[in-house]
Structure formats: C-alpha cells, structure tokens
Amino acid sequence: MNNRLNFTKEYFTWSPGDAALKQRQKRLEPFLAKGLDKQAGLETHGLQTKSTFHQNRD
C-alpha cells in the first residue's frame, strides 16, 4: 500500500469510545504535521457511529 492509501484508510476508519479514538490518533500520527489536530478534523465529542474504509476506487 502506498502512503496516500494508508492515510485514506486511517482517516476514514473510526469507532466511538476513548480507546478506539486513541488508536486512530496513533495510526494517523505518521501522516500529520506537528501542531495539527490529532484526529485530523474529526469531531469526536458525542461520536456514536463508526466508519470503515473498504477500498480505494481509482
């Protein structure tokens, strides 16, 4: 997998809950510049749904 696809997969994959969001944060860390939002803009307050990236369609 290339870096673009890896970022896309991690960006569009999340689950609610502190532990799951902490894992997502760690997965996104290699792609984000210092100082950017650790969840890359995902509003996590009150998050109740999950998202799973399945495939890239070029």
Protein backbone atom coordinates (compact mmCIF):
# COMPACT_ATOMS: atom_id res chain seq x y z
CA MET A 1 0.00 0.00 0.00
CA ASN A 2 1.25 3.47 -0.75
CA ASN A 3 1.21 6.29 1.80
CA ARG A 4 -1.77 8.03 0.20
CA LEU A 5 -3.90 4.92 0.50
CA ASN A 6 -2.69 4.27 4.04
CA PHE A 7 -3.71 7.79 5.07
CA THR A 8 -7.07 7.44 3.35
CA LYS A 9 -7.75 4.14 5.10
CA GLU A 10 -6.83 5.51 8.54
CA TYR A 11 -8.63 8.82 8.02
CA PHE A 12 -11.94 7.19 7.06
CA THR A 13 -11.80 4.46 9.74
CA TRP A 14 -13.02 5.23 13.26
CA SER A 15 -15.12 3.91 16.13
CA PRO A 16 -16.62 5.74 19.08
CA GLY A 17 -15.03 5.50 22.51
CA ASP A 18 -11.86 6.84 24.07
CA ALA A 19 -9.73 3.73 23.46
CA ALA A 20 -10.73 3.44 19.79
CA LEU A 21 -10.14 7.14 19.15
CA LYS A 22 -6.73 6.94 20.85
CA GLN A 23 -5.82 4.08 18.49
CA ARG A 24 -6.96 6.14 15.49
CA GLN A 25 -4.87 9.04 16.72
CA LYS A 26 -1.78 6.81 16.85
CA ARG A 27 -2.49 5.45 13.34
CA LEU A 28 -2.81 8.99 11.93
CA GLU A 29 0.26 10.35 13.73
CA PRO A 30 2.81 9.46 10.99
CA PHE A 31 0.79 11.40 8.40
CA LEU A 32 0.10 14.63 10.31
CA ALA A 33 2.44 17.59 10.72
CA LYS A 34 3.24 18.73 14.25
CA GLY A 35 0.60 21.04 15.63
CA LEU A 36 -2.30 19.74 13.53
CA ASP A 37 -5.42 18.35 15.15
CA LYS A 38 -4.58 14.81 16.28
CA GLN A 39 -7.90 13.49 14.87
CA ALA A 40 -7.36 15.33 11.55
CA GLY A 41 -10.57 17.31 11.93
CA LEU A 42 -12.95 14.55 13.01
CA GLU A 43 -15.34 15.93 15.64
CA THR A 44 -15.14 13.27 18.35
CA HIS A 45 -17.37 14.84 21.02
CA GLY A 46 -20.50 12.72 21.21
CA LEU A 47 -19.39 10.45 18.36
CA GLN A 48 -21.80 7.49 18.19
CA THR A 49 -21.19 5.98 14.77
CA LYS A 50 -18.29 4.14 13.22
CA SER A 51 -16.76 4.21 9.79
CA THR A 52 -14.70 1.60 7.97
CA PHE A 53 -12.73 2.21 4.79
CA HIS A 54 -13.15 -0.73 2.43
CA GLN A 55 -11.26 0.05 -0.77
CA ASN A 56 -9.93 2.76 -3.00
CA ARG A 57 -11.61 3.16 -6.40
CA ASP A 58 -9.24 4.94 -8.75
